[in-house]
Amino acid sequence: MIELAPASPCGDLLPLQVGDMILAELDLGSLTLVAPFAGQVEATSDALHDAHGVGFPDPGVAIRVWDTLCLWSGRAQALLAGPEPDAALASLAALTDQSDGWAVVRLSGAGATDALARLVPIDLRPGAFPPGSAARTLLGHMTVTILRDPADVAETAFTILAFRSMATTLVHELETAMRRVAARAEAG
């Protein structure tokens, strides 16, 4: 019988460094989409808080407590990253395991904001997108979720989630933007 070995979404494409910027793959642990049933947002938030220490996030917000991250991922949806969801949540919300469905990368370093700004139509400056912010947007032609992790002290670091099937394209687009920003910095 053939035994399959697990492979990360980005494979051997990462990590890479261009100038002062670093692009690396992240493992956020279990990824579960949480979609509260009608009228159950508050109860779901309470259950999330009781079980995992984080509530259901408001739009555009990411909440982290230790190894648990809960980020807004669309209308009445959040992505719980880290632990397996508590069983009590199943009576309050639809839970969908998406652990194998995402490529997750971290772009950091001087120039990271400029590189990412070339690819997304949102304001990434710290005043507009501070730590704890999350946004669903387009990166080139791909739908992504971008967050500034509330626990990440680097002001120039972003976590980017894209569909696993787009991992190679995600890395290519980011690497191209990183190279252009680095070349511009070298040229002065």
Protein backbone atom coordinates (compact mmCIF):
# COMPACT_ATOMS: atom_id res chain seq x y z
CA MET A 1 0.00 0.00 0.00
CA ILE A 2 1.21 3.50 -0.82
CA GLU A 3 1.84 5.72 2.18
CA LEU A 4 1.45 9.42 1.57
CA ALA A 5 3.60 11.92 3.41
CA PRO A 6 2.07 15.24 4.39
CA ALA A 7 3.39 18.23 2.50
CA SER A 8 3.16 21.87 3.42
CA PRO A 9 1.25 24.09 0.97
CA CYS A 10 4.34 26.12 0.05
CA GLY A 11 6.65 23.12 -0.11
CA ASP A 12 10.26 24.10 -0.67
CA LEU A 13 9.41 27.60 -1.95
CA LEU A 14 9.86 29.13 1.50
CA PRO A 15 11.48 30.63 3.45
CA LEU A 16 13.03 33.33 1.32
CA GLN A 17 14.72 36.61 2.05
CA VAL A 18 14.90 39.58 -0.30
CA GLY A 19 16.71 42.61 1.07
CA ASP A 20 15.46 43.07 4.63
CA MET A 21 12.16 41.29 3.93
CA ILE A 22 11.48 37.69 4.92
CA LEU A 23 8.65 35.51 3.63
CA ALA A 24 8.11 32.34 5.67
CA GLU A 25 5.40 29.71 5.92
CA LEU A 26 3.46 29.52 9.19
CA ASP A 27 1.67 26.63 10.83
CA LEU A 28 -1.27 28.02 12.79
CA GLY A 29 -2.38 24.57 13.95
CA SER A 30 -5.95 23.48 13.43
CA LEU A 31 -8.04 25.90 11.32
CA THR A 32 -11.80 25.78 11.85
CA LEU A 33 -14.38 28.02 10.22
CA VAL A 34 -16.97 29.06 12.82
CA ALA A 35 -20.31 30.31 11.45
CA PRO A 36 -22.88 30.96 14.21
CA PHE A 37 -26.43 29.79 13.60
CA ALA A 38 -29.09 32.51 13.32
CA GLY A 39 -29.30 34.49 16.55
CA GLN A 40 -26.36 32.65 18.14
CA VAL A 41 -23.49 35.10 17.66
CA GLU A 42 -23.41 36.19 21.31
CA ALA A 43 -23.77 32.64 22.63
CA THR A 44 -21.04 31.47 20.24
CA SER A 45 -18.79 34.29 21.41
CA ASP A 46 -19.39 33.31 25.05
CA ALA A 47 -18.69 29.63 24.31
CA LEU A 48 -15.50 30.53 22.41
CA HIS A 49 -14.39 32.67 25.31
CA ASP A 50 -15.15 29.99 27.91
CA ALA A 51 -13.39 27.24 25.95
CA HIS A 52 -10.55 29.06 24.21
CA GLY A 53 -10.18 32.48 25.84
CA VAL A 54 -11.20 34.41 22.72
CA GLY A 55 -14.59 35.75 21.71
CA PHE A 56 -16.20 35.90 18.28
CA PRO A 57 -14.43 38.81 16.54
CA ASP A 58 -16.10 41.91 15.18
CA PRO A 59 -15.61 42.63 11.46
CA GLY A 60 -12.00 43.47 10.68
CA VAL A 61 -10.66 42.15 14.00
CA ALA A 62 -8.27 39.37 15.01
CA ILE A 63 -8.06 38.24 18.65
CA ARG A 64 -5.15 36.23 20.05
CA VAL A 65 -4.72 34.65 23.47
CA TRP A 66 -1.54 32.57 23.74
CA ASP A 67 -1.69 29.93 20.98
CA THR A 68 -5.32 30.61 20.05
CA LEU A 69 -6.18 33.05 17.28
CA CYS A 70 -9.72 33.91 16.19
CA LEU A 71 -10.00 36.20 13.20
CA TRP A 72 -12.87 37.69 11.28
CA SER A 73 -13.08 36.03 7.88
CA GLY A 74 -16.31 37.31 6.37
CA ARG A 75 -19.90 38.13 7.19
CA ALA A 76 -20.87 36.13 10.31
CA GLN A 77 -17.75 33.97 9.99
CA ALA A 78 -14.55 33.60 11.95
CA LEU A 79 -11.54 31.36 11.60
CA LEU A 80 -10.40 29.69 14.82
CA ALA A 81 -6.69 28.88 14.59
CA GLY A 82 -4.70 26.79 17.02
CA PRO A 83 -6.76 24.34 19.05
CA GLU A 84 -9.45 21.95 17.93
CA PRO A 85 -12.82 23.62 18.60
CA ASP A 86 -14.61 22.75 21.83
CA ALA A 87 -17.48 20.29 21.26
CA ALA A 88 -19.97 22.70 22.88
CA LEU A 89 -19.61 25.04 19.91
CA ALA A 90 -21.29 22.53 17.56
CA SER A 91 -24.73 23.29 19.00
CA LEU A 92 -24.28 27.02 18.41
CA ALA A 93 -22.41 27.27 15.13
CA ALA A 94 -21.51 25.39 11.99
CA LEU A 95 -17.92 24.19 12.37
CA THR A 96 -15.88 23.28 9.31
CA ASP A 97 -12.33 21.94 9.55
CA GLN A 98 -10.24 23.84 7.00
CA SER A 99 -6.80 22.90 8.28
CA ASP A 100 -5.60 21.51 4.95
CA GLY A 101 -7.29 24.20 2.86
CA TRP A 102 -5.05 27.18 3.50
CA ALA A 103 -1.52 28.35 2.79
CA VAL A 104 -0.38 30.68 5.58
CA VAL A 105 2.66 32.91 5.22
CA ARG A 106 4.26 35.73 7.20
CA LEU A 107 5.80 38.69 5.40
CA SER A 108 8.06 40.78 7.64
CA GLY A 109 10.91 43.25 7.64
CA ALA A 110 11.65 46.73 6.36
CA GLY A 111 9.82 47.12 3.07
CA ALA A 112 7.13 44.52 3.82
CA THR A 113 4.37 47.13 3.93
CA ASP A 114 5.51 48.60 0.60
CA ALA A 115 5.72 45.17 -1.04
CA LEU A 116 2.26 44.13 0.12
CA ALA A 117 0.79 47.54 -0.76
CA ARG A 118 1.71 46.86 -4.41
CA LEU A 119 -0.63 43.88 -4.40
CA VAL A 120 -3.65 44.72 -2.23
CA PRO A 121 -6.20 47.56 -2.39
CA ILE A 122 -6.25 48.33 1.35
CA ASP A 123 -4.40 50.85 3.52
CA LEU A 124 -1.77 48.86 5.44
CA ARG A 125 -0.21 51.74 7.35
CA PRO A 126 -0.17 51.10 11.13
CA GLY A 127 -2.68 53.88 11.80
CA ALA A 128 -5.24 52.34 9.44
CA PHE A 129 -4.36 48.67 9.95
CA PRO A 130 -2.97 48.31 13.50
CA PRO A 131 -2.12 45.03 15.28
CA GLY A 132 -5.34 43.09 15.75
CA SER A 133 -6.69 44.03 12.31
CA ALA A 134 -7.92 41.49 9.76
CA ALA A 135 -9.22 42.01 6.22
CA ARG A 136 -10.57 39.85 3.42
CA THR A 137 -9.31 41.32 0.18
CA LEU A 138 -7.69 40.56 -3.15
CA LEU A 139 -3.98 40.02 -3.60
CA GLY A 140 -3.57 40.25 -7.34
CA HIS A 141 -6.40 37.99 -8.50
CA MET A 142 -6.53 35.81 -5.35
CA THR A 143 -8.86 36.19 -2.40
CA VAL A 144 -6.80 36.35 0.79
CA THR A 145 -7.17 37.19 4.44
CA ILE A 146 -4.51 39.53 5.79
CA LEU A 147 -3.94 40.20 9.43
CA ARG A 148 -1.60 42.05 11.66
CA ASP A 149 -1.32 39.52 14.46
CA PRO A 150 -2.12 41.18 17.79
CA ALA A 151 0.79 39.28 19.39
CA ASP A 152 3.31 40.27 16.70
CA VAL A 153 5.40 43.16 17.96
CA ALA A 154 6.97 43.85 14.56
CA GLU A 155 5.19 46.80 12.97
CA THR A 156 6.15 45.54 9.55
CA ALA A 157 4.78 42.00 9.74
CA PHE A 158 1.68 40.57 8.10
CA THR A 159 0.12 37.12 8.17
CA ILE A 160 -1.49 36.20 4.86
CA LEU A 161 -3.90 33.29 4.33
CA ALA A 162 -4.69 32.12 0.80
CA PHE A 163 -6.37 29.02 -0.53
CA ARG A 164 -3.90 26.14 -0.59
CA SER A 165 -4.36 25.69 -4.34
CA MET A 166 -2.98 29.22 -4.81
CA ALA A 167 0.16 28.76 -2.67
CA THR A 168 2.63 28.82 -5.56
CA THR A 169 0.99 31.89 -7.08
CA LEU A 170 0.90 33.60 -3.68
CA VAL A 171 4.63 33.07 -3.16
CA HIS A 172 5.40 34.17 -6.75
CA GLU A 173 3.37 37.40 -6.43
CA LEU A 174 4.89 38.26 -3.05
CA GLU A 175 8.44 37.44 -4.16
CA THR A 176 8.07 39.62 -7.27
CA ALA A 177 6.81 42.56 -5.19
CA MET A 178 9.58 42.03 -2.63
CA ARG A 179 12.23 42.07 -5.37
CA ARG A 180 10.84 45.29 -6.87
CA VAL A 181 10.76 47.06 -3.51
CA ALA A 182 14.31 45.88 -2.71
CA ALA A 183 15.58 47.02 -6.13
CA ARG A 184 14.02 50.42 -5.65
CA ALA A 185 15.65 50.74 -2.21
CA GLU A 186 19.05 49.79 -3.68
CA ALA A 187 18.67 52.35 -6.47
CA GLY A 188 18.02 55.03 -3.86
